[in-house]
């Protein structure tokens, strides 16, 4: 079923690229990344789920902070700068929408965000 949202196309592509690349990067080798789209009354819910090691509860409130890294052992040569999720959050909030994460350590992570539907 086709739908339209009120959003900056380029910025939302940046959000999707960042979240999908992270899911691939942190998912299990040979694992799966799932992208789900769900229509709500006046919003679209987008979920990106990986099957990786998940994120411990103590990190969930901080993953969107600039330069915060769950895995402190990764270096710049093997990982990013720690800015990607912060940028994603900024873009979604600039659209006056919500973003969040659900995760259980050892069972993967789901990043989600909403977009305003153009009704």
C-alpha atoms as a PDB file:
ATOM      1  CA  UNK A   1       0.000   0.000   0.000  1.00  0.00           C
ATOM      2  CA  UNK A   2       1.564   3.348  -0.999  1.00  0.00           C
ATOM      3  CA  UNK A   3       1.969   6.103   1.548  1.00  0.00           C
ATOM      4  CA  UNK A   4       3.510   9.544   1.761  1.00  0.00           C
ATOM      5  CA  UNK A   5       5.260  11.257   4.648  1.00  0.00           C
ATOM      6  CA  UNK A   6       6.163  14.850   5.438  1.00  0.00           C
ATOM      7  CA  UNK A   7       9.952  14.712   5.473  1.00  0.00           C
ATOM      8  CA  UNK A   8      13.183  15.872   3.912  1.00  0.00           C
ATOM      9  CA  UNK A   9      13.917  13.001   1.526  1.00  0.00           C
ATOM     10  CA  UNK A  10      17.720  13.387   1.631  1.00  0.00           C
ATOM     11  CA  UNK A  11      17.821  13.541   5.440  1.00  0.00           C
ATOM     12  CA  UNK A  12      15.581  10.495   5.877  1.00  0.00           C
ATOM     13  CA  UNK A  13      17.759   8.555   3.419  1.00  0.00           C
ATOM     14  CA  UNK A  14      20.726   9.520   5.627  1.00  0.00           C
ATOM     15  CA  UNK A  15      18.868   8.202   8.697  1.00  0.00           C
ATOM     16  CA  UNK A  16      18.003   4.919   6.974  1.00  0.00           C
ATOM     17  CA  UNK A  17      21.526   4.444   5.624  1.00  0.00           C
ATOM     18  CA  UNK A  18      23.067   5.048   9.030  1.00  0.00           C
ATOM     19  CA  UNK A  19      20.724   2.699  10.894  1.00  0.00           C
ATOM     20  CA  UNK A  20      20.894  -0.065   8.273  1.00  0.00           C
ATOM     21  CA  UNK A  21      24.706   0.099   8.001  1.00  0.00           C
ATOM     22  CA  UNK A  22      24.954  -0.037  11.810  1.00  0.00           C
ATOM     23  CA  UNK A  23      22.624  -3.043  11.887  1.00  0.00           C
ATOM     24  CA  UNK A  24      24.748  -4.834   9.287  1.00  0.00           C
ATOM     25  CA  UNK A  25      27.969  -3.863  11.040  1.00  0.00           C
ATOM     26  CA  UNK A  26      26.851  -4.968  14.502  1.00  0.00           C
ATOM     27  CA  UNK A  27      24.703  -7.928  13.444  1.00  0.00           C
ATOM     28  CA  UNK A  28      25.950 -11.491  13.348  1.00  0.00           C
ATOM     29  CA  UNK A  29      28.102 -12.603  10.425  1.00  0.00           C
ATOM     30  CA  UNK A  30      25.680 -14.184   7.972  1.00  0.00           C
ATOM     31  CA  UNK A  31      22.813 -12.876  10.080  1.00  0.00           C
ATOM     32  CA  UNK A  32      19.742 -10.857   9.202  1.00  0.00           C
ATOM     33  CA  UNK A  33      18.723  -7.234   9.238  1.00  0.00           C
ATOM     34  CA  UNK A  34      15.000  -6.560   9.015  1.00  0.00           C
ATOM     35  CA  UNK A  35      13.356  -3.273   8.083  1.00  0.00           C
ATOM     36  CA  UNK A  36       9.709  -2.911   9.023  1.00  0.00           C
ATOM     37  CA  UNK A  37       7.224  -0.197   8.094  1.00  0.00           C
ATOM     38  CA  UNK A  38       4.027   0.139  10.094  1.00  0.00           C
ATOM     39  CA  UNK A  39       1.248   2.627   9.554  1.00  0.00           C
ATOM     40  CA  UNK A  40      -0.258   4.227  12.612  1.00  0.00           C
ATOM     41  CA  UNK A  41      -3.147   6.699  12.580  1.00  0.00           C
ATOM     42  CA  UNK A  42      -1.169   9.700  11.378  1.00  0.00           C
ATOM     43  CA  UNK A  43       2.378   8.371  11.508  1.00  0.00           C
ATOM     44  CA  UNK A  44       4.646   5.837   9.903  1.00  0.00           C
ATOM     45  CA  UNK A  45       6.756   3.726  12.252  1.00  0.00           C
ATOM     46  CA  UNK A  46      10.076   2.515  10.813  1.00  0.00           C
ATOM     47  CA  UNK A  47      12.006  -0.247  12.598  1.00  0.00           C
ATOM     48  CA  UNK A  48      15.480  -1.597  11.786  1.00  0.00           C
ATOM     49  CA  UNK A  49      16.321  -4.802  13.644  1.00  0.00           C
ATOM     50  CA  UNK A  50      19.583  -6.742  13.770  1.00  0.00           C
ATOM     51  CA  UNK A  51      20.424 -10.126  15.267  1.00  0.00           C
ATOM     52  CA  UNK A  52      23.715  -9.063  16.862  1.00  0.00           C
ATOM     53  CA  UNK A  53      24.878  -9.062  20.468  1.00  0.00           C
ATOM     54  CA  UNK A  54      22.419  -6.385  21.515  1.00  0.00           C
ATOM     55  CA  UNK A  55      23.072  -3.462  23.801  1.00  0.00           C
ATOM     56  CA  UNK A  56      23.126  -3.685  27.569  1.00  0.00           C
ATOM     57  CA  UNK A  57      20.422  -1.849  29.476  1.00  0.00           C
ATOM     58  CA  UNK A  58      22.990   0.462  31.069  1.00  0.00           C
ATOM     59  CA  UNK A  59      23.818   1.885  27.614  1.00  0.00           C
ATOM     60  CA  UNK A  60      20.303   2.349  26.195  1.00  0.00           C
ATOM     61  CA  UNK A  61      19.767   5.862  27.555  1.00  0.00           C
ATOM     62  CA  UNK A  62      23.102   7.044  26.138  1.00  0.00           C
ATOM     63  CA  UNK A  63      23.406   5.520  22.643  1.00  0.00           C
ATOM     64  CA  UNK A  64      22.219   8.733  20.952  1.00  0.00           C
ATOM     65  CA  UNK A  65      24.794  10.935  22.738  1.00  0.00           C
ATOM     66  CA  UNK A  66      27.597  12.427  20.665  1.00  0.00           C
ATOM     67  CA  UNK A  67      30.804  10.366  20.783  1.00  0.00           C
ATOM     68  CA  UNK A  68      29.237   7.724  23.071  1.00  0.00           C
ATOM     69  CA  UNK A  69      30.377   4.240  22.160  1.00  0.00           C
ATOM     70  CA  UNK A  70      28.955   1.068  23.636  1.00  0.00           C
ATOM     71  CA  UNK A  71      32.048  -0.902  22.630  1.00  0.00           C
ATOM     72  CA  UNK A  72      34.983   1.092  24.004  1.00  0.00           C
ATOM     73  CA  UNK A  73      37.480  -1.353  22.465  1.00  0.00           C
ATOM     74  CA  UNK A  74      36.753  -0.281  18.898  1.00  0.00           C
ATOM     75  CA  UNK A  75      39.196   2.206  17.463  1.00  0.00           C
ATOM     76  CA  UNK A  76      38.736   4.822  14.765  1.00  0.00           C
ATOM     77  CA  UNK A  77      40.348   2.455  12.272  1.00  0.00           C
ATOM     78  CA  UNK A  78      37.769  -0.279  12.893  1.00  0.00           C
ATOM     79  CA  UNK A  79      34.703   1.773  13.676  1.00  0.00           C
ATOM     80  CA  UNK A  80      33.060   5.146  13.296  1.00  0.00           C
ATOM     81  CA  UNK A  81      33.370   8.376  15.193  1.00  0.00           C
ATOM     82  CA  UNK A  82      30.468   7.866  17.562  1.00  0.00           C
ATOM     83  CA  UNK A  83      28.465  10.605  15.844  1.00  0.00           C
ATOM     84  CA  UNK A  84      26.124   8.608  13.603  1.00  0.00           C
ATOM     85  CA  UNK A  85      23.324   7.934  16.078  1.00  0.00           C
ATOM     86  CA  UNK A  86      23.535  11.468  17.418  1.00  0.00           C
ATOM     87  CA  UNK A  87      23.070  12.832  13.886  1.00  0.00           C
ATOM     88  CA  UNK A  88      20.175  10.430  13.280  1.00  0.00           C
ATOM     89  CA  UNK A  89      18.450  11.605  16.448  1.00  0.00           C
ATOM     90  CA  UNK A  90      18.975  15.250  15.499  1.00  0.00           C
ATOM     91  CA  UNK A  91      17.427  14.687  12.048  1.00  0.00           C
ATOM     92  CA  UNK A  92      14.373  12.881  13.424  1.00  0.00           C
ATOM     93  CA  UNK A  93      13.827  15.471  16.143  1.00  0.00           C
ATOM     94  CA  UNK A  94      14.181  18.261  13.529  1.00  0.00           C
ATOM     95  CA  UNK A  95      11.180  16.584  11.864  1.00  0.00           C
ATOM     96  CA  UNK A  96       9.402  16.845  15.244  1.00  0.00           C
ATOM     97  CA  UNK A  97       9.243  13.069  15.466  1.00  0.00           C
ATOM     98  CA  UNK A  98      10.473  10.384  17.860  1.00  0.00           C
ATOM     99  CA  UNK A  99      13.330   7.901  17.782  1.00  0.00           C
ATOM    100  CA  UNK A 100      14.219   5.103  20.165  1.00  0.00           C
ATOM    101  CA  UNK A 101      15.804   1.733  20.724  1.00  0.00           C
ATOM    102  CA  UNK A 102      14.753  -1.624  22.139  1.00  0.00           C
ATOM    103  CA  UNK A 103      17.418  -4.164  22.924  1.00  0.00           C
ATOM    104  CA  UNK A 104      18.207  -7.114  25.088  1.00  0.00           C
ATOM    105  CA  UNK A 105      21.827  -8.040  25.513  1.00  0.00           C
ATOM    106  CA  UNK A 106      22.540 -11.177  23.508  1.00  0.00           C
ATOM    107  CA  UNK A 107      19.391 -10.832  21.383  1.00  0.00           C
ATOM    108  CA  UNK A 108      19.959  -7.975  18.941  1.00  0.00           C
ATOM    109  CA  UNK A 109      18.664  -4.433  18.777  1.00  0.00           C
ATOM    110  CA  UNK A 110      15.783  -2.576  17.165  1.00  0.00           C
ATOM    111  CA  UNK A 111      16.100   1.095  16.351  1.00  0.00           C
ATOM    112  CA  UNK A 112      12.818   2.801  15.520  1.00  0.00           C
ATOM    113  CA  UNK A 113      11.584   6.212  14.460  1.00  0.00           C
ATOM    114  CA  UNK A 114       8.348   7.836  13.402  1.00  0.00           C
ATOM    115  CA  UNK A 115       7.497  10.100  10.481  1.00  0.00           C
ATOM    116  CA  UNK A 116       4.422  12.247  10.010  1.00  0.00           C
ATOM    117  CA  UNK A 117       2.141  10.814   7.334  1.00  0.00           C
ATOM    118  CA  UNK A 118       0.908  13.194   4.654  1.00  0.00           C
ATOM    119  CA  UNK A 119      -2.801  12.540   4.941  1.00  0.00           C
END
